[in-house]
Amino acid sequence: MKILLATDCSTQSKTMVKEFAERTFAPNTKVRIVSAYEKSSYMMATGPMGVLNEYYDVAERYALKSAENATENAADVLREKNPELSISV
């Protein structure tokens, strides 16, 4: 069986991952964990109200790191409860 698990850093998502980890899985089950973030888009040298592009770059890096952390944390929870699962992030 192949399962696609989407997650983020919300409390609801963390609860869902914990509940999901309690399930019994068929042999050879593969779980792919994903998380998405919104990429900043800007077209001028300065953004609205004089916000510099560096602001958007920093915000995007933090959003990407948050998405990466969400997938890694979910994988850790699943691995702890189901060491036989094949998990990829």
C-alpha atoms as a PDB file:
ATOM      1  CA  MET A   1       0.000   0.000   0.000  1.00  0.00           C
ATOM      2  CA  LYS A   2       1.197   3.543  -0.752  1.00  0.00           C
ATOM      3  CA  ILE A   3       0.094   6.463   1.408  1.00  0.00           C
ATOM      4  CA  LEU A   4       0.614  10.179   0.852  1.00  0.00           C
ATOM      5  CA  LEU A   5       0.541  12.097   4.142  1.00  0.00           C
ATOM      6  CA  ALA A   6       0.341  15.893   4.024  1.00  0.00           C
ATOM      7  CA  THR A   7       1.221  17.839   7.161  1.00  0.00           C
ATOM      8  CA  ASP A   8       2.095  21.290   8.460  1.00  0.00           C
ATOM      9  CA  CYS A   9       3.050  22.724  11.848  1.00  0.00           C
ATOM     10  CA  SER A  10      -0.511  23.176  13.089  1.00  0.00           C
ATOM     11  CA  THR A  11      -1.795  21.549  16.249  1.00  0.00           C
ATOM     12  CA  GLN A  12      -4.449  19.738  14.216  1.00  0.00           C
ATOM     13  CA  SER A  13      -1.847  18.296  11.880  1.00  0.00           C
ATOM     14  CA  LYS A  14       0.339  17.091  14.738  1.00  0.00           C
ATOM     15  CA  THR A  15      -2.686  15.424  16.338  1.00  0.00           C
ATOM     16  CA  MET A  16      -3.577  13.783  13.025  1.00  0.00           C
ATOM     17  CA  VAL A  17      -0.046  12.375  12.653  1.00  0.00           C
ATOM     18  CA  LYS A  18      -0.171  10.903  16.167  1.00  0.00           C
ATOM     19  CA  GLU A  19      -3.553   9.297  15.461  1.00  0.00           C
ATOM     20  CA  PHE A  20      -2.320   8.015  12.089  1.00  0.00           C
ATOM     21  CA  ALA A  21       0.755   6.474  13.724  1.00  0.00           C
ATOM     22  CA  GLU A  22      -1.495   4.356  15.981  1.00  0.00           C
ATOM     23  CA  ARG A  23      -2.958   2.490  12.996  1.00  0.00           C
ATOM     24  CA  THR A  24      -1.967  -0.986  11.916  1.00  0.00           C
ATOM     25  CA  PHE A  25      -0.417  -1.048   8.453  1.00  0.00           C
ATOM     26  CA  ALA A  26      -0.202  -3.825   5.880  1.00  0.00           C
ATOM     27  CA  PRO A  27       3.243  -5.295   5.187  1.00  0.00           C
ATOM     28  CA  ASN A  28       5.348  -3.325   2.688  1.00  0.00           C
ATOM     29  CA  THR A  29       3.379  -0.123   3.267  1.00  0.00           C
ATOM     30  CA  LYS A  30       5.162   2.977   1.974  1.00  0.00           C
ATOM     31  CA  VAL A  31       4.408   6.427   3.372  1.00  0.00           C
ATOM     32  CA  ARG A  32       5.455   9.636   1.621  1.00  0.00           C
ATOM     33  CA  ILE A  33       5.223  12.737   3.835  1.00  0.00           C
ATOM     34  CA  VAL A  34       4.850  16.166   2.229  1.00  0.00           C
ATOM     35  CA  SER A  35       4.332  19.723   3.374  1.00  0.00           C
ATOM     36  CA  ALA A  36       3.791  22.823   1.252  1.00  0.00           C
ATOM     37  CA  TYR A  37       4.483  26.482   1.757  1.00  0.00           C
ATOM     38  CA  GLU A  38       3.607  29.593  -0.200  1.00  0.00           C
ATOM     39  CA  LYS A  39       6.515  31.118  -2.052  1.00  0.00           C
ATOM     40  CA  SER A  40       6.745  34.897  -1.824  1.00  0.00           C
ATOM     41  CA  SER A  41       6.190  36.747  -5.037  1.00  0.00           C
ATOM     42  CA  TYR A  42       7.304  40.293  -5.603  1.00  0.00           C
ATOM     43  CA  MET A  43       8.147  42.264  -8.712  1.00  0.00           C
ATOM     44  CA  MET A  44       9.728  45.523  -7.566  1.00  0.00           C
ATOM     45  CA  ALA A  45      12.951  46.437  -5.789  1.00  0.00           C
ATOM     46  CA  THR A  46      10.852  47.326  -2.767  1.00  0.00           C
ATOM     47  CA  GLY A  47       7.576  45.768  -1.802  1.00  0.00           C
ATOM     48  CA  PRO A  48       4.460  47.428  -0.499  1.00  0.00           C
ATOM     49  CA  MET A  49       5.012  50.237   1.995  1.00  0.00           C
ATOM     50  CA  GLY A  50       8.754  50.193   1.324  1.00  0.00           C
ATOM     51  CA  VAL A  51       9.396  46.610   2.491  1.00  0.00           C
ATOM     52  CA  LEU A  52      12.726  45.413   1.146  1.00  0.00           C
ATOM     53  CA  ASN A  53      13.156  42.203  -0.827  1.00  0.00           C
ATOM     54  CA  GLU A  54      15.315  40.858   1.992  1.00  0.00           C
ATOM     55  CA  TYR A  55      12.177  40.643   4.122  1.00  0.00           C
ATOM     56  CA  TYR A  56      10.559  38.343   1.576  1.00  0.00           C
ATOM     57  CA  ASP A  57      13.718  36.249   1.276  1.00  0.00           C
ATOM     58  CA  VAL A  58      13.916  35.757   5.051  1.00  0.00           C
ATOM     59  CA  ALA A  59      10.194  34.983   5.295  1.00  0.00           C
ATOM     60  CA  GLU A  60      10.507  32.412   2.498  1.00  0.00           C
ATOM     61  CA  ARG A  61      13.487  30.708   4.161  1.00  0.00           C
ATOM     62  CA  TYR A  62      11.554  30.421   7.431  1.00  0.00           C
ATOM     63  CA  ALA A  63       8.486  29.052   5.608  1.00  0.00           C
ATOM     64  CA  LEU A  64      10.642  26.424   3.864  1.00  0.00           C
ATOM     65  CA  LYS A  65      12.329  25.458   7.143  1.00  0.00           C
ATOM     66  CA  SER A  66       8.939  25.166   8.828  1.00  0.00           C
ATOM     67  CA  ALA A  67       7.708  22.835   6.060  1.00  0.00           C
ATOM     68  CA  GLU A  68      10.866  20.729   6.351  1.00  0.00           C
ATOM     69  CA  ASN A  69      10.487  20.525  10.131  1.00  0.00           C
ATOM     70  CA  ALA A  70       6.847  19.467   9.784  1.00  0.00           C
ATOM     71  CA  THR A  71       7.749  16.539   7.526  1.00  0.00           C
ATOM     72  CA  GLU A  72      10.716  15.447   9.634  1.00  0.00           C
ATOM     73  CA  ASN A  73       8.715  15.620  12.871  1.00  0.00           C
ATOM     74  CA  ALA A  74       5.896  13.582  11.325  1.00  0.00           C
ATOM     75  CA  ALA A  75       8.427  11.010  10.078  1.00  0.00           C
ATOM     76  CA  ASP A  76       9.929  10.740  13.566  1.00  0.00           C
ATOM     77  CA  VAL A  77       6.508  10.070  15.111  1.00  0.00           C
ATOM     78  CA  LEU A  78       5.709   7.410  12.503  1.00  0.00           C
ATOM     79  CA  ARG A  79       9.107   5.727  12.812  1.00  0.00           C
ATOM     80  CA  GLU A  80       8.810   5.556  16.576  1.00  0.00           C
ATOM     81  CA  LYS A  81       5.429   3.809  16.460  1.00  0.00           C
ATOM     82  CA  ASN A  82       5.932   1.826  13.222  1.00  0.00           C
ATOM     83  CA  PRO A  83       9.583   0.961  12.626  1.00  0.00           C
ATOM     84  CA  GLU A  84       8.616  -1.448   9.823  1.00  0.00           C
ATOM     85  CA  LEU A  85       7.130   1.328   7.654  1.00  0.00           C
ATOM     86  CA  SER A  86       9.024   2.602   4.641  1.00  0.00           C
ATOM     87  CA  ILE A  87       8.913   6.382   5.145  1.00  0.00           C
ATOM     88  CA  SER A  88      10.200   9.094   2.835  1.00  0.00           C
ATOM     89  CA  VAL A  89       9.979  12.856   3.139  1.00  0.00           C
END
